[in-house]
Amino acid sequence: MEFSSTLAAFFGLPGGYEWLIILVVALLIFGKRLPEVGRSLGKSIVEFKKGVKGVKEEVAEVDADIEHAAIEKKDETPQLPA
């Protein structure tokens, strides 16, 4: 049981000091390019969200088409006289 909790802690999210170290390393690596990298990352996220929204709209259209086809098929079935 000790191994699994240690393994979970190893793969967990970084804590306060770890984020500080990551930030310092990022500043050393990217330096003056860091604002450009941030802008690029922001644009990428916006494009990803647009893509996800487009996929959701397409799925909604297909669902509506299927529902419409099911209603038309139901209307076409012959009614038996009572």
PDB file of N, CA and C in Angstrom:
ATOM      1  N   MET A   1       0.831  -1.192   0.000  1.00  0.00           N
ATOM      2  CA  MET A   1       0.000   0.000   0.000  1.00  0.00           C
ATOM      3  C   MET A   1       0.875   1.255   0.000  1.00  0.00           C
ATOM      4  N   GLU A   2       2.021   1.158   0.621  1.00  0.00           N
ATOM      5  CA  GLU A   2       2.930   2.306   0.700  1.00  0.00           C
ATOM      6  C   GLU A   2       3.427   2.700  -0.685  1.00  0.00           C
ATOM      7  N   PHE A   3       3.702   1.691  -1.515  1.00  0.00           N
ATOM      8  CA  PHE A   3       4.223   1.963  -2.857  1.00  0.00           C
ATOM      9  C   PHE A   3       3.216   2.727  -3.709  1.00  0.00           C
ATOM     10  N   SER A   4       1.930   2.353  -3.650  1.00  0.00           N
ATOM     11  CA  SER A   4       0.928   3.004  -4.489  1.00  0.00           C
ATOM     12  C   SER A   4       0.722   4.463  -4.074  1.00  0.00           C
ATOM     13  N   SER A   5       0.753   4.762  -2.784  1.00  0.00           N
ATOM     14  CA  SER A   5       0.589   6.154  -2.361  1.00  0.00           C
ATOM     15  C   SER A   5       1.815   6.981  -2.743  1.00  0.00           C
ATOM     16  N   THR A   6       3.000   6.377  -2.685  1.00  0.00           N
ATOM     17  CA  THR A   6       4.211   7.075  -3.105  1.00  0.00           C
ATOM     18  C   THR A   6       4.174   7.313  -4.604  1.00  0.00           C
ATOM     19  N   LEU A   7       3.706   6.330  -5.347  1.00  0.00           N
ATOM     20  CA  LEU A   7       3.606   6.469  -6.786  1.00  0.00           C
ATOM     21  C   LEU A   7       2.596   7.552  -7.154  1.00  0.00           C
ATOM     22  N   ALA A   8       1.473   7.601  -6.458  1.00  0.00           N
ATOM     23  CA  ALA A   8       0.464   8.632  -6.711  1.00  0.00           C
ATOM     24  C   ALA A   8       1.022  10.017  -6.405  1.00  0.00           C
ATOM     25  N   ALA A   9       1.789  10.125  -5.332  1.00  0.00           N
ATOM     26  CA  ALA A   9       2.393  11.410  -4.984  1.00  0.00           C
ATOM     27  C   ALA A   9       3.432  11.808  -6.028  1.00  0.00           C
ATOM     28  N   PHE A  10       4.130  10.828  -6.568  1.00  0.00           N
ATOM     29  CA  PHE A  10       5.147  11.112  -7.578  1.00  0.00           C
ATOM     30  C   PHE A  10       4.522  11.668  -8.855  1.00  0.00           C
ATOM     31  N   PHE A  11       3.380  11.133  -9.256  1.00  0.00           N
ATOM     32  CA  PHE A  11       2.735  11.574 -10.478  1.00  0.00           C
ATOM     33  C   PHE A  11       1.687  12.650 -10.239  1.00  0.00           C
ATOM     34  N   GLY A  12       1.566  13.182  -9.037  1.00  0.00           N
ATOM     35  CA  GLY A  12       0.579  14.207  -8.732  1.00  0.00           C
ATOM     36  C   GLY A  12       0.961  15.564  -9.297  1.00  0.00           C
ATOM     37  N   LEU A  13       0.109  16.538  -9.085  1.00  0.00           N
ATOM     38  CA  LEU A  13       0.381  17.896  -9.554  1.00  0.00           C
ATOM     39  C   LEU A  13       1.483  18.531  -8.724  1.00  0.00           C
ATOM     40  N   PRO A  14       2.256  19.413  -9.346  1.00  0.00           N
ATOM     41  CA  PRO A  14       3.324  20.089  -8.594  1.00  0.00           C
ATOM     42  C   PRO A  14       2.755  20.992  -7.499  1.00  0.00           C
ATOM     43  N   GLY A  15       3.511  21.118  -6.428  1.00  0.00           N
ATOM     44  CA  GLY A  15       3.124  21.991  -5.332  1.00  0.00           C
ATOM     45  C   GLY A  15       3.659  23.401  -5.545  1.00  0.00           C
ATOM     46  N   GLY A  16       3.649  24.218  -4.503  1.00  0.00           N
ATOM     47  CA  GLY A  16       4.055  25.614  -4.595  1.00  0.00           C
ATOM     48  C   GLY A  16       5.494  25.821  -5.032  1.00  0.00           C
ATOM     49  N   TYR A  17       6.428  25.137  -4.386  1.00  0.00           N
ATOM     50  CA  TYR A  17       7.834  25.320  -4.723  1.00  0.00           C
ATOM     51  C   TYR A  17       8.151  24.763  -6.107  1.00  0.00           C
ATOM     52  N   GLU A  18       7.481  23.663  -6.463  1.00  0.00           N
ATOM     53  CA  GLU A  18       7.726  23.087  -7.786  1.00  0.00           C
ATOM     54  C   GLU A  18       7.301  24.058  -8.885  1.00  0.00           C
ATOM     55  N   TRP A  19       6.159  24.737  -8.709  1.00  0.00           N
ATOM     56  CA  TRP A  19       5.714  25.719  -9.699  1.00  0.00           C
ATOM     57  C   TRP A  19       6.716  26.865  -9.808  1.00  0.00           C
ATOM     58  N   LEU A  20       7.269  27.270  -8.687  1.00  0.00           N
ATOM     59  CA  LEU A  20       8.260  28.343  -8.698  1.00  0.00           C
ATOM     60  C   LEU A  20       9.492  27.918  -9.495  1.00  0.00           C
ATOM     61  N   ILE A  21       9.933  26.694  -9.295  1.00  0.00           N
ATOM     62  CA  ILE A  21      11.095  26.185 -10.031  1.00  0.00           C
ATOM     63  C   ILE A  21      10.772  26.098 -11.516  1.00  0.00           C
ATOM     64  N   ILE A  22       9.580  25.613 -11.855  1.00  0.00           N
ATOM     65  CA  ILE A  22       9.172  25.528 -13.258  1.00  0.00           C
ATOM     66  C   ILE A  22       9.144  26.907 -13.894  1.00  0.00           C
ATOM     67  N   LEU A  23       8.643  27.902 -13.180  1.00  0.00           N
ATOM     68  CA  LEU A  23       8.589  29.269 -13.683  1.00  0.00           C
ATOM     69  C   LEU A  23       9.989  29.821 -13.938  1.00  0.00           C
ATOM     70  N   VAL A  24      10.896  29.593 -13.007  1.00  0.00           N
ATOM     71  CA  VAL A  24      12.277  30.082 -13.166  1.00  0.00           C
ATOM     72  C   VAL A  24      12.933  29.406 -14.374  1.00  0.00           C
ATOM     73  N   VAL A  25      12.742  28.105 -14.516  1.00  0.00           N
ATOM     74  CA  VAL A  25      13.328  27.387 -15.652  1.00  0.00           C
ATOM     75  C   VAL A  25      12.730  27.904 -16.964  1.00  0.00           C
ATOM     76  N   ALA A  26      11.415  28.148 -16.989  1.00  0.00           N
ATOM     77  CA  ALA A  26      10.772  28.685 -18.200  1.00  0.00           C
ATOM     78  C   ALA A  26      11.350  30.052 -18.543  1.00  0.00           C
ATOM     79  N   LEU A  27      11.554  30.893 -17.537  1.00  0.00           N
ATOM     80  CA  LEU A  27      12.135  32.214 -17.792  1.00  0.00           C
ATOM     81  C   LEU A  27      13.558  32.098 -18.332  1.00  0.00           C
ATOM     82  N   LEU A  28      14.324  31.154 -17.809  1.00  0.00           N
ATOM     83  CA  LEU A  28      15.689  30.971 -18.295  1.00  0.00           C
ATOM     84  C   LEU A  28      15.720  30.440 -19.723  1.00  0.00           C
ATOM     85  N   ILE A  29      14.807  29.533 -20.039  1.00  0.00           N
ATOM     86  CA  ILE A  29      14.808  28.928 -21.370  1.00  0.00           C
ATOM     87  C   ILE A  29      14.254  29.892 -22.414  1.00  0.00           C
ATOM     88  N   PHE A  30      13.106  30.497 -22.128  1.00  0.00           N
ATOM     89  CA  PHE A  30      12.427  31.308 -23.132  1.00  0.00           C
ATOM     90  C   PHE A  30      12.815  32.778 -23.080  1.00  0.00           C
ATOM     91  N   GLY A  31      13.158  33.287 -21.911  1.00  0.00           N
ATOM     92  CA  GLY A  31      13.610  34.664 -21.775  1.00  0.00           C
ATOM     93  C   GLY A  31      12.660  35.681 -22.373  1.00  0.00           C
ATOM     94  N   LYS A  32      13.149  36.447 -23.360  1.00  0.00           N
ATOM     95  CA  LYS A  32      12.352  37.511 -23.968  1.00  0.00           C
ATOM     96  C   LYS A  32      11.244  36.970 -24.858  1.00  0.00           C
ATOM     97  N   ARG A  33      11.348  35.708 -25.272  1.00  0.00           N
ATOM     98  CA  ARG A  33      10.329  35.117 -26.138  1.00  0.00           C
ATOM     99  C   ARG A  33       9.110  34.647 -25.361  1.00  0.00           C
ATOM    100  N   LEU A  34       9.131  34.711 -24.048  1.00  0.00           N
ATOM    101  CA  LEU A  34       8.034  34.191 -23.235  1.00  0.00           C
ATOM    102  C   LEU A  34       6.687  34.850 -23.567  1.00  0.00           C
ATOM    103  N   PRO A  35       6.599  36.180 -23.769  1.00  0.00           N
ATOM    104  CA  PRO A  35       5.312  36.760 -24.170  1.00  0.00           C
ATOM    105  C   PRO A  35       4.810  36.212 -25.513  1.00  0.00           C
ATOM    106  N   GLU A  36       5.724  35.984 -26.450  1.00  0.00           N
ATOM    107  CA  GLU A  36       5.332  35.407 -27.736  1.00  0.00           C
ATOM    108  C   GLU A  36       4.798  33.989 -27.554  1.00  0.00           C
ATOM    109  N   VAL A  37       5.451  33.231 -26.706  1.00  0.00           N
ATOM    110  CA  VAL A  37       5.014  31.864 -26.432  1.00  0.00           C
ATOM    111  C   VAL A  37       3.626  31.884 -25.776  1.00  0.00           C
ATOM    112  N   GLY A  38       3.406  32.817 -24.868  1.00  0.00           N
ATOM    113  CA  GLY A  38       2.097  32.942 -24.219  1.00  0.00           C
ATOM    114  C   GLY A  38       1.004  33.294 -25.219  1.00  0.00           C
ATOM    115  N   ARG A  39       1.306  34.234 -26.119  1.00  0.00           N
ATOM    116  CA  ARG A  39       0.334  34.602 -27.146  1.00  0.00           C
ATOM    117  C   ARG A  39       0.021  33.425 -28.058  1.00  0.00           C
ATOM    118  N   SER A  40       1.037  32.710 -28.454  1.00  0.00           N
ATOM    119  CA  SER A  40       0.838  31.543 -29.316  1.00  0.00           C
ATOM    120  C   SER A  40      -0.005  30.491 -28.615  1.00  0.00           C
ATOM    121  N   LEU A  41       0.271  30.276 -27.344  1.00  0.00           N
ATOM    122  CA  LEU A  41      -0.506  29.310 -26.570  1.00  0.00           C
ATOM    123  C   LEU A  41      -1.956  29.757 -26.458  1.00  0.00           C
ATOM    124  N   GLY A  42      -2.173  31.040 -26.224  1.00  0.00           N
ATOM    125  CA  GLY A  42      -3.534  31.573 -26.137  1.00  0.00           C
ATOM    126  C   GLY A  42      -4.290  31.418 -27.445  1.00  0.00           C
ATOM    127  N   LYS A  43      -3.632  31.719 -28.566  1.00  0.00           N
ATOM    128  CA  LYS A  43      -4.266  31.562 -29.873  1.00  0.00           C
ATOM    129  C   LYS A  43      -4.592  30.095 -30.139  1.00  0.00           C
ATOM    130  N   SER A  44      -3.706  29.213 -29.739  1.00  0.00           N
ATOM    131  CA  SER A  44      -3.946  27.784 -29.928  1.00  0.00           C
ATOM    132  C   SER A  44      -5.165  27.327 -29.142  1.00  0.00           C
ATOM    133  N   ILE A  45      -5.299  27.802 -27.925  1.00  0.00           N
ATOM    134  CA  ILE A  45      -6.440  27.434 -27.093  1.00  0.00           C
ATOM    135  C   ILE A  45      -7.732  27.951 -27.709  1.00  0.00           C
ATOM    136  N   VAL A  46      -7.719  29.186 -28.215  1.00  0.00           N
ATOM    137  CA  VAL A  46      -8.914  29.756 -28.849  1.00  0.00           C
ATOM    138  C   VAL A  46      -9.304  28.938 -30.079  1.00  0.00           C
ATOM    139  N   GLU A  47      -8.333  28.578 -30.911  1.00  0.00           N
ATOM    140  CA  GLU A  47      -8.613  27.776 -32.103  1.00  0.00           C
ATOM    141  C   GLU A  47      -9.155  26.404 -31.722  1.00  0.00           C
ATOM    142  N   PHE A  48      -8.606  25.812 -30.678  1.00  0.00           N
ATOM    143  CA  PHE A  48      -9.091  24.513 -30.211  1.00  0.00           C
ATOM    144  C   PHE A  48     -10.545  24.618 -29.765  1.00  0.00           C
ATOM    145  N   LYS A  49     -10.870  25.662 -29.016  1.00  0.00           N
ATOM    146  CA  LYS A  49     -12.247  25.849 -28.558  1.00  0.00           C
ATOM    147  C   LYS A  49     -13.200  26.052 -29.734  1.00  0.00           C
ATOM    148  N   LYS A  50     -12.757  26.805 -30.755  1.00  0.00           N
ATOM    149  CA  LYS A  50     -13.585  26.985 -31.955  1.00  0.00           C
ATOM    150  C   LYS A  50     -13.835  25.646 -32.633  1.00  0.00           C
ATOM    151  N   GLY A  51     -12.804  24.820 -32.716  1.00  0.00           N
ATOM    152  CA  GLY A  51     -12.943  23.503 -33.330  1.00  0.00           C
ATOM    153  C   GLY A  51     -13.911  22.625 -32.560  1.00  0.00           C
ATOM    154  N   VAL A  52     -13.813  22.645 -31.238  1.00  0.00           N
ATOM    155  CA  VAL A  52     -14.718  21.842 -30.411  1.00  0.00           C
ATOM    156  C   VAL A  52     -16.151  22.335 -30.579  1.00  0.00           C
ATOM    157  N   LYS A  53     -16.327  23.649 -30.641  1.00  0.00           N
ATOM    158  CA  LYS A  53     -17.673  24.216 -30.823  1.00  0.00           C
ATOM    159  C   LYS A  53     -18.243  23.790 -32.167  1.00  0.00           C
ATOM    160  N   GLY A  54     -17.418  23.800 -33.208  1.00  0.00           N
ATOM    161  CA  GLY A  54     -17.862  23.376 -34.534  1.00  0.00           C
ATOM    162  C   GLY A  54     -18.293  21.915 -34.540  1.00  0.00           C
ATOM    163  N   VAL A  55     -17.542  21.071 -33.856  1.00  0.00           N
ATOM    164  CA  VAL A  55     -17.894  19.656 -33.782  1.00  0.00           C
ATOM    165  C   VAL A  55     -19.206  19.473 -33.030  1.00  0.00           C
ATOM    166  N   LYS A  56     -19.384  20.219 -31.948  1.00  0.00           N
ATOM    167  CA  LYS A  56     -20.636  20.121 -31.189  1.00  0.00           C
ATOM    168  C   LYS A  56     -21.826  20.547 -32.045  1.00  0.00           C
ATOM    169  N   GLU A  57     -21.657  21.602 -32.855  1.00  0.00           N
ATOM    170  CA  GLU A  57     -22.734  22.057 -33.730  1.00  0.00           C
ATOM    171  C   GLU A  57     -23.066  21.009 -34.785  1.00  0.00           C
ATOM    172  N   GLU A  58     -22.031  20.364 -35.346  1.00  0.00           N
ATOM    173  CA  GLU A  58     -22.264  19.323 -36.340  1.00  0.00           C
ATOM    174  C   GLU A  58     -23.004  18.131 -35.731  1.00  0.00           C
ATOM    175  N   VAL A  59     -22.630  17.755 -34.515  1.00  0.00           N
ATOM    176  CA  VAL A  59     -23.302  16.644 -33.842  1.00  0.00           C
ATOM    177  C   VAL A  59     -24.757  17.003 -33.579  1.00  0.00           C
ATOM    178  N   ALA A  60     -25.017  18.232 -33.182  1.00  0.00           N
ATOM    179  CA  ALA A  60     -26.395  18.667 -32.935  1.00  0.00           C
ATOM    180  C   ALA A  60     -27.203  18.629 -34.231  1.00  0.00           C
ATOM    181  N   GLU A  61     -26.599  19.036 -35.348  1.00  0.00           N
ATOM    182  CA  GLU A  61     -27.291  18.989 -36.642  1.00  0.00           C
ATOM    183  C   GLU A  61     -27.623  17.556 -37.038  1.00  0.00           C
ATOM    184  N   VAL A  62     -26.678  16.649 -36.857  1.00  0.00           N
ATOM    185  CA  VAL A  62     -26.911  15.245 -37.198  1.00  0.00           C
ATOM    186  C   VAL A  62     -28.012  14.666 -36.313  1.00  0.00           C
ATOM    187  N   ASP A  63     -27.994  14.989 -35.023  1.00  0.00           N
ATOM    188  CA  ASP A  63     -29.043  14.521 -34.116  1.00  0.00           C
ATOM    189  C   ASP A  63     -30.403  15.040 -34.558  1.00  0.00           C
ATOM    190  N   ALA A  64     -30.467  16.301 -34.963  1.00  0.00           N
ATOM    191  CA  ALA A  64     -31.736  16.882 -35.411  1.00  0.00           C
ATOM    192  C   ALA A  64     -32.206  16.197 -36.695  1.00  0.00           C
ATOM    193  N   ASP A  65     -31.268  15.905 -37.612  1.00  0.00           N
ATOM    194  CA  ASP A  65     -31.631  15.216 -38.850  1.00  0.00           C
ATOM    195  C   ASP A  65     -32.162  13.812 -38.565  1.00  0.00           C
ATOM    196  N   ILE A  66     -31.517  13.111 -37.657  1.00  0.00           N
ATOM    197  CA  ILE A  66     -31.965  11.766 -37.296  1.00  0.00           C
ATOM    198  C   ILE A  66     -33.344  11.820 -36.665  1.00  0.00           C
ATOM    199  N   GLU A  67     -33.538  12.768 -35.778  1.00  0.00           N
ATOM    200  CA  GLU A  67     -34.837  12.912 -35.119  1.00  0.00           C
ATOM    201  C   GLU A  67     -35.919  13.252 -36.151  1.00  0.00           C
ATOM    202  N   HIS A  68     -35.604  14.138 -37.078  1.00  0.00           N
ATOM    203  CA  HIS A  68     -36.556  14.529 -38.123  1.00  0.00           C
ATOM    204  C   HIS A  68     -36.905  13.326 -39.007  1.00  0.00           C
ATOM    205  N   ALA A  69     -35.884  12.531 -39.357  1.00  0.00           N
ATOM    206  CA  ALA A  69     -36.115  11.343 -40.182  1.00  0.00           C
ATOM    207  C   ALA A  69     -36.980  10.323 -39.442  1.00  0.00           C
ATOM    208  N   ALA A  70     -36.773  10.183 -38.151  1.00  0.00           N
ATOM    209  CA  ALA A  70     -37.570   9.244 -37.361  1.00  0.00           C
ATOM    210  C   ALA A  70     -39.028   9.693 -37.306  1.00  0.00           C
ATOM    211  N   ILE A  71     -39.251  10.993 -37.188  1.00  0.00           N
ATOM    212  CA  ILE A  71     -40.621  11.526 -37.160  1.00  0.00           C
ATOM    213  C   ILE A  71     -41.293  11.305 -38.513  1.00  0.00           C
ATOM    214  N   GLU A  72     -40.565  11.546 -39.610  1.00  0.00           N
ATOM    215  CA  GLU A  72     -41.130  11.332 -40.948  1.00  0.00           C
ATOM    216  C   GLU A  72     -41.464   9.861 -41.174  1.00  0.00           C
ATOM    217  N   LYS A  73     -40.592   8.978 -40.707  1.00  0.00           N
ATOM    218  CA  LYS A  73     -40.824   7.548 -40.878  1.00  0.00           C
ATOM    219  C   LYS A  73     -42.055   7.122 -40.080  1.00  0.00           C
ATOM    220  N   LYS A  74     -42.224   7.679 -38.910  1.00  0.00           N
ATOM    221  CA  LYS A  74     -43.379   7.356 -38.076  1.00  0.00           C
ATOM    222  C   LYS A  74     -44.666   7.821 -38.763  1.00  0.00           C
ATOM    223  N   ASP A  75     -44.609   8.993 -39.401  1.00  0.00           N
ATOM    224  CA  ASP A  75     -45.785   9.526 -40.097  1.00  0.00           C
ATOM    225  C   ASP A  75     -46.130   8.695 -41.331  1.00  0.00           C
ATOM    226  N   GLU A  76     -45.134   8.041 -41.963  1.00  0.00           N
ATOM    227  CA  GLU A  76     -45.368   7.262 -43.171  1.00  0.00           C
ATOM    228  C   GLU A  76     -45.957   5.883 -42.898  1.00  0.00           C
ATOM    229  N   THR A  77     -45.869   5.381 -41.678  1.00  0.00           N
ATOM    230  CA  THR A  77     -46.378   4.055 -41.392  1.00  0.00           C
ATOM    231  C   THR A  77     -47.892   4.044 -41.534  1.00  0.00           C
ATOM    232  N   PRO A  78     -48.415   3.050 -42.224  1.00  0.00           N
ATOM    233  CA  PRO A  78     -49.872   3.020 -42.439  1.00  0.00           C
ATOM    234  C   PRO A  78     -50.630   2.742 -41.137  1.00  0.00           C
ATOM    235  N   GLN A  79     -51.738   3.414 -41.001  1.00  0.00           N
ATOM    236  CA  GLN A  79     -52.579   3.232 -39.827  1.00  0.00           C
ATOM    237  C   GLN A  79     -53.618   2.146 -40.137  1.00  0.00           C
ATOM    238  N   LEU A  80     -53.789   1.229 -39.238  1.00  0.00           N
ATOM    239  CA  LEU A  80     -54.793   0.183 -39.382  1.00  0.00           C
ATOM    240  C   LEU A  80     -56.148   0.735 -38.996  1.00  0.00           C
ATOM    241  N   PRO A  81     -57.190   0.409 -39.774  1.00  0.00           N
ATOM    242  CA  PRO A  81     -58.519   0.910 -39.407  1.00  0.00           C
ATOM    243  C   PRO A  81     -59.011   0.259 -38.112  1.00  0.00           C
ATOM    244  N   ALA A  82     -59.694   1.034 -37.331  1.00  0.00           N
ATOM    245  CA  ALA A  82     -60.153   0.534 -36.026  1.00  0.00           C
ATOM    246  C   ALA A  82     -61.434  -0.219 -36.125  1.00  0.00           C
TER     247      ALA A  82
END
